[in-house]
């Protein structure tokens, strides 16, 4: 089942994001290799700088999504003000349906 992690950065924490990015990317690469990551990327503010993240995971349930969200180096570094986890259905342009 797909779950969207909608992550909002704490204001003024851009440097935390930049400093933690290599570990975050390695974490996502590992999830991708395991087939758990569908796609991910940052939300951008008006100045084009990251203000949060969207990560879509393919895992069994909300508990599994939360466990992975908690392991994200960004979360461990205290970057996020809020993380919302929502079940999601990929209807349009899903490559699995092509």
N, C-alpha and C. Protein backbone atom coordinates (compact mmCIF):
# COMPACT_ATOMS: atom_id res chain seq x y z
N UNK A 1 0.84 -1.17 0.00
CA UNK A 1 0.00 0.00 0.00
C UNK A 1 0.89 1.24 0.00
N UNK A 2 0.45 2.28 -0.67
CA UNK A 2 1.23 3.51 -0.74
C UNK A 2 0.86 4.47 0.38
N UNK A 3 1.89 5.11 0.92
CA UNK A 3 1.71 6.12 1.97
C UNK A 3 2.53 7.34 1.61
N UNK A 4 1.90 8.50 1.67
CA UNK A 4 2.58 9.77 1.45
C UNK A 4 3.01 10.34 2.79
N UNK A 5 4.29 10.67 2.89
CA UNK A 5 4.80 11.39 4.04
C UNK A 5 4.90 12.85 3.62
N UNK A 6 4.12 13.68 4.26
CA UNK A 6 4.11 15.11 3.96
C UNK A 6 4.80 15.79 5.12
N UNK A 7 6.02 16.24 4.87
CA UNK A 7 6.90 16.72 5.94
C UNK A 7 7.12 18.23 5.78
N UNK A 8 6.86 18.97 6.84
CA UNK A 8 7.08 20.42 6.83
C UNK A 8 8.28 20.75 7.71
N UNK A 9 9.24 21.48 7.14
CA UNK A 9 10.43 21.87 7.89
C UNK A 9 10.08 22.92 8.94
N UNK A 10 10.85 22.91 10.01
CA UNK A 10 10.76 23.99 11.00
C UNK A 10 11.30 25.26 10.35
N UNK A 11 10.68 26.40 10.63
CA UNK A 11 11.22 27.65 10.10
C UNK A 11 12.66 27.85 10.56
N UNK A 12 13.49 28.38 9.66
CA UNK A 12 14.87 28.68 9.99
C UNK A 12 15.78 27.49 10.10
N UNK A 13 15.37 26.34 9.57
CA UNK A 13 16.17 25.12 9.68
C UNK A 13 16.77 24.66 8.35
N UNK A 14 16.93 25.59 7.41
CA UNK A 14 17.50 25.20 6.12
C UNK A 14 18.90 24.61 6.28
N UNK A 15 19.71 25.16 7.17
CA UNK A 15 21.07 24.64 7.34
C UNK A 15 21.05 23.21 7.86
N UNK A 16 20.09 22.88 8.73
CA UNK A 16 19.95 21.50 9.21
C UNK A 16 19.69 20.57 8.02
N UNK A 17 18.81 21.01 7.13
CA UNK A 17 18.51 20.23 5.91
C UNK A 17 19.78 20.04 5.08
N UNK A 18 20.48 21.11 4.84
CA UNK A 18 21.69 21.03 4.00
C UNK A 18 22.75 20.14 4.63
N UNK A 19 22.94 20.28 5.93
CA UNK A 19 23.97 19.49 6.62
C UNK A 19 23.63 18.00 6.65
N UNK A 20 22.34 17.67 6.69
CA UNK A 20 21.89 16.29 6.85
C UNK A 20 21.58 15.63 5.52
N UNK A 21 21.59 16.38 4.44
CA UNK A 21 21.16 15.86 3.14
C UNK A 21 21.91 14.60 2.70
N UNK A 22 23.23 14.51 2.83
CA UNK A 22 23.89 13.28 2.37
C UNK A 22 23.36 12.02 3.06
N UNK A 23 23.13 12.08 4.36
CA UNK A 23 22.59 10.91 5.07
C UNK A 23 21.15 10.63 4.65
N UNK A 24 20.38 11.69 4.43
CA UNK A 24 18.98 11.54 3.99
C UNK A 24 18.93 10.86 2.61
N UNK A 25 19.78 11.31 1.70
CA UNK A 25 19.82 10.73 0.35
C UNK A 25 20.23 9.26 0.42
N UNK A 26 21.21 8.94 1.23
CA UNK A 26 21.63 7.54 1.39
C UNK A 26 20.49 6.70 1.95
N UNK A 27 19.75 7.24 2.90
CA UNK A 27 18.59 6.55 3.48
C UNK A 27 17.55 6.26 2.39
N UNK A 28 17.24 7.26 1.57
CA UNK A 28 16.26 7.07 0.50
C UNK A 28 16.78 6.09 -0.56
N UNK A 29 18.06 6.15 -0.86
CA UNK A 29 18.63 5.20 -1.83
C UNK A 29 18.50 3.77 -1.33
N UNK A 30 18.68 3.56 -0.03
CA UNK A 30 18.52 2.21 0.55
C UNK A 30 17.06 1.77 0.45
N UNK A 31 16.13 2.67 0.75
CA UNK A 31 14.70 2.33 0.62
C UNK A 31 14.35 2.02 -0.84
N UNK A 32 14.94 2.75 -1.75
CA UNK A 32 14.69 2.51 -3.17
C UNK A 32 15.20 1.14 -3.57
N UNK A 33 16.38 0.78 -3.11
CA UNK A 33 16.96 -0.53 -3.43
C UNK A 33 16.10 -1.66 -2.87
N UNK A 34 15.42 -1.42 -1.77
CA UNK A 34 14.52 -2.41 -1.16
C UNK A 34 13.14 -2.43 -1.80
N UNK A 35 12.88 -1.51 -2.74
CA UNK A 35 11.58 -1.44 -3.39
C UNK A 35 10.52 -0.75 -2.56
N UNK A 36 10.91 -0.03 -1.52
CA UNK A 36 9.94 0.63 -0.64
C UNK A 36 9.69 2.09 -1.01
N UNK A 37 10.58 2.70 -1.78
CA UNK A 37 10.44 4.10 -2.17
C UNK A 37 9.84 4.20 -3.56
N UNK A 38 8.72 4.91 -3.68
CA UNK A 38 8.13 5.15 -5.00
C UNK A 38 8.68 6.42 -5.61
N UNK A 39 8.68 7.51 -4.86
CA UNK A 39 9.30 8.75 -5.29
C UNK A 39 9.41 9.70 -4.11
N UNK A 40 10.25 10.72 -4.28
CA UNK A 40 10.46 11.67 -3.19
C UNK A 40 11.06 12.94 -3.75
N UNK A 41 10.89 14.02 -3.01
CA UNK A 41 11.50 15.29 -3.37
C UNK A 41 11.06 16.38 -2.43
N UNK A 42 11.75 17.53 -2.50
CA UNK A 42 11.44 18.62 -1.58
C UNK A 42 10.30 19.50 -2.09
N UNK A 43 9.57 20.08 -1.13
CA UNK A 43 8.68 21.20 -1.42
C UNK A 43 9.56 22.44 -1.46
N UNK A 44 9.22 23.38 -2.33
CA UNK A 44 10.03 24.59 -2.46
C UNK A 44 9.20 25.81 -2.08
N UNK A 45 9.85 26.74 -1.37
CA UNK A 45 9.22 28.00 -1.02
C UNK A 45 9.30 28.97 -2.18
N UNK A 46 8.81 30.18 -1.95
CA UNK A 46 8.78 31.20 -3.00
C UNK A 46 10.17 31.55 -3.52
N UNK A 47 11.18 31.41 -2.68
CA UNK A 47 12.55 31.71 -3.10
C UNK A 47 13.23 30.51 -3.77
N UNK A 48 12.49 29.40 -3.92
CA UNK A 48 13.04 28.21 -4.55
C UNK A 48 13.87 27.34 -3.62
N UNK A 49 13.82 27.64 -2.33
CA UNK A 49 14.57 26.85 -1.35
C UNK A 49 13.65 25.83 -0.70
N UNK A 50 14.19 24.66 -0.31
CA UNK A 50 13.37 23.61 0.28
C UNK A 50 12.70 24.05 1.58
N UNK A 51 11.44 23.66 1.72
CA UNK A 51 10.66 23.97 2.93
C UNK A 51 10.03 22.72 3.53
N UNK A 52 10.26 21.58 2.92
CA UNK A 52 9.67 20.33 3.38
C UNK A 52 9.94 19.23 2.38
N UNK A 53 9.30 18.09 2.59
CA UNK A 53 9.52 16.93 1.72
C UNK A 53 8.22 16.19 1.47
N UNK A 54 8.16 15.56 0.30
CA UNK A 54 7.12 14.59 -0.02
C UNK A 54 7.84 13.29 -0.31
N UNK A 55 7.50 12.26 0.45
CA UNK A 55 8.09 10.93 0.26
C UNK A 55 6.94 9.95 0.16
N UNK A 56 6.90 9.16 -0.91
CA UNK A 56 5.86 8.16 -1.07
C UNK A 56 6.49 6.78 -0.95
N UNK A 57 5.98 6.03 0.02
CA UNK A 57 6.50 4.70 0.35
C UNK A 57 5.50 3.62 -0.01
N UNK A 58 5.99 2.47 -0.39
CA UNK A 58 5.17 1.29 -0.62
C UNK A 58 5.47 0.30 0.50
N UNK A 59 4.63 0.32 1.53
CA UNK A 59 4.82 -0.52 2.71
C UNK A 59 3.47 -1.11 3.14
N UNK A 60 3.50 -2.02 4.10
CA UNK A 60 2.32 -2.78 4.48
C UNK A 60 1.23 -1.94 5.13
N UNK A 61 1.61 -1.00 6.00
CA UNK A 61 0.59 -0.29 6.76
C UNK A 61 1.16 1.02 7.32
N UNK A 62 0.29 1.78 7.99
CA UNK A 62 0.68 3.07 8.56
C UNK A 62 1.81 2.91 9.56
N UNK A 63 1.79 1.85 10.34
CA UNK A 63 2.84 1.63 11.34
C UNK A 63 4.21 1.48 10.66
N UNK A 64 4.26 0.77 9.56
CA UNK A 64 5.52 0.59 8.82
C UNK A 64 5.98 1.92 8.24
N UNK A 65 5.04 2.71 7.72
CA UNK A 65 5.39 4.03 7.18
C UNK A 65 5.92 4.93 8.28
N UNK A 66 5.28 4.92 9.44
CA UNK A 66 5.74 5.75 10.57
C UNK A 66 7.12 5.31 11.04
N UNK A 67 7.35 4.01 11.10
CA UNK A 67 8.66 3.52 11.53
C UNK A 67 9.77 4.02 10.60
N UNK A 68 9.52 3.99 9.30
CA UNK A 68 10.51 4.50 8.35
C UNK A 68 10.65 6.01 8.45
N UNK A 69 9.53 6.71 8.61
CA UNK A 69 9.58 8.17 8.76
C UNK A 69 10.43 8.56 9.95
N UNK A 70 10.31 7.82 11.03
CA UNK A 70 11.08 8.10 12.24
C UNK A 70 12.57 7.83 12.07
N UNK A 71 12.92 6.95 11.12
CA UNK A 71 14.33 6.61 10.87
C UNK A 71 15.01 7.59 9.92
N UNK A 72 14.23 8.41 9.23
CA UNK A 72 14.80 9.36 8.27
C UNK A 72 15.80 10.27 9.00
N UNK A 73 17.01 10.43 8.47
CA UNK A 73 17.98 11.31 9.11
C UNK A 73 17.47 12.74 9.30
N UNK A 74 16.62 13.22 8.40
CA UNK A 74 16.04 14.55 8.60
C UNK A 74 15.20 14.59 9.87
N UNK A 75 14.38 13.57 10.07
CA UNK A 75 13.56 13.50 11.28
C UNK A 75 14.44 13.40 12.52
N UNK A 76 15.45 12.57 12.46
CA UNK A 76 16.36 12.39 13.61
C UNK A 76 17.14 13.66 13.93
N UNK A 77 17.37 14.50 12.93
CA UNK A 77 18.09 15.76 13.14
C UNK A 77 17.17 16.87 13.64
N UNK A 78 15.88 16.59 13.74
CA UNK A 78 14.94 17.59 14.23
C UNK A 78 14.52 18.61 13.18
N UNK A 79 14.64 18.25 11.90
CA UNK A 79 14.29 19.19 10.83
C UNK A 79 12.80 19.47 10.73
N UNK A 80 11.98 18.47 10.95
CA UNK A 80 10.56 18.62 10.65
C UNK A 80 9.75 19.19 11.81
N UNK A 81 8.90 20.14 11.44
CA UNK A 81 7.94 20.70 12.39
C UNK A 81 6.74 19.76 12.51
N UNK A 82 6.38 19.16 11.37
CA UNK A 82 5.22 18.27 11.33
C UNK A 82 5.41 17.25 10.22
N UNK A 83 4.99 16.00 10.49
CA UNK A 83 4.99 14.95 9.47
C UNK A 83 3.60 14.33 9.47
N UNK A 84 2.95 14.40 8.32
CA UNK A 84 1.63 13.79 8.15
C UNK A 84 1.81 12.54 7.30
N UNK A 85 1.21 11.44 7.72
CA UNK A 85 1.28 10.18 6.98
C UNK A 85 -0.12 9.85 6.51
N UNK A 86 -0.27 9.73 5.19
CA UNK A 86 -1.60 9.47 4.62
C UNK A 86 -1.53 8.36 3.59
N UNK A 87 -2.48 7.43 3.66
CA UNK A 87 -2.61 6.41 2.62
C UNK A 87 -2.92 7.14 1.31
N UNK A 88 -2.36 6.61 0.22
CA UNK A 88 -2.47 7.32 -1.05
C UNK A 88 -2.69 6.33 -2.18
N UNK A 89 -3.52 6.70 -3.15
CA UNK A 89 -3.80 5.87 -4.31
C UNK A 89 -3.28 6.58 -5.56
N UNK A 90 -2.32 5.99 -6.23
CA UNK A 90 -1.71 6.57 -7.44
C UNK A 90 -2.58 6.19 -8.62
N UNK A 91 -3.39 7.14 -9.11
CA UNK A 91 -4.33 6.86 -10.18
C UNK A 91 -3.77 7.25 -11.55
N UNK A 92 -3.38 8.49 -11.71
CA UNK A 92 -2.92 8.98 -13.01
C UNK A 92 -1.41 8.90 -13.15
N UNK A 93 -0.96 8.48 -14.34
CA UNK A 93 0.46 8.41 -14.69
C UNK A 93 1.28 7.49 -13.81
N UNK A 94 0.65 6.48 -13.25
CA UNK A 94 1.36 5.48 -12.46
C UNK A 94 2.10 4.56 -13.44
N UNK A 95 3.43 4.53 -13.39
CA UNK A 95 4.16 3.69 -14.34
C UNK A 95 3.84 2.21 -14.22
N UNK A 96 3.36 1.77 -13.07
CA UNK A 96 2.98 0.37 -12.91
C UNK A 96 1.77 0.00 -13.76
N UNK A 97 1.01 1.00 -14.17
CA UNK A 97 -0.19 0.76 -14.99
C UNK A 97 0.07 0.98 -16.46
N UNK A 98 1.29 1.32 -16.83
CA UNK A 98 1.58 1.64 -18.24
C UNK A 98 1.63 0.39 -19.09
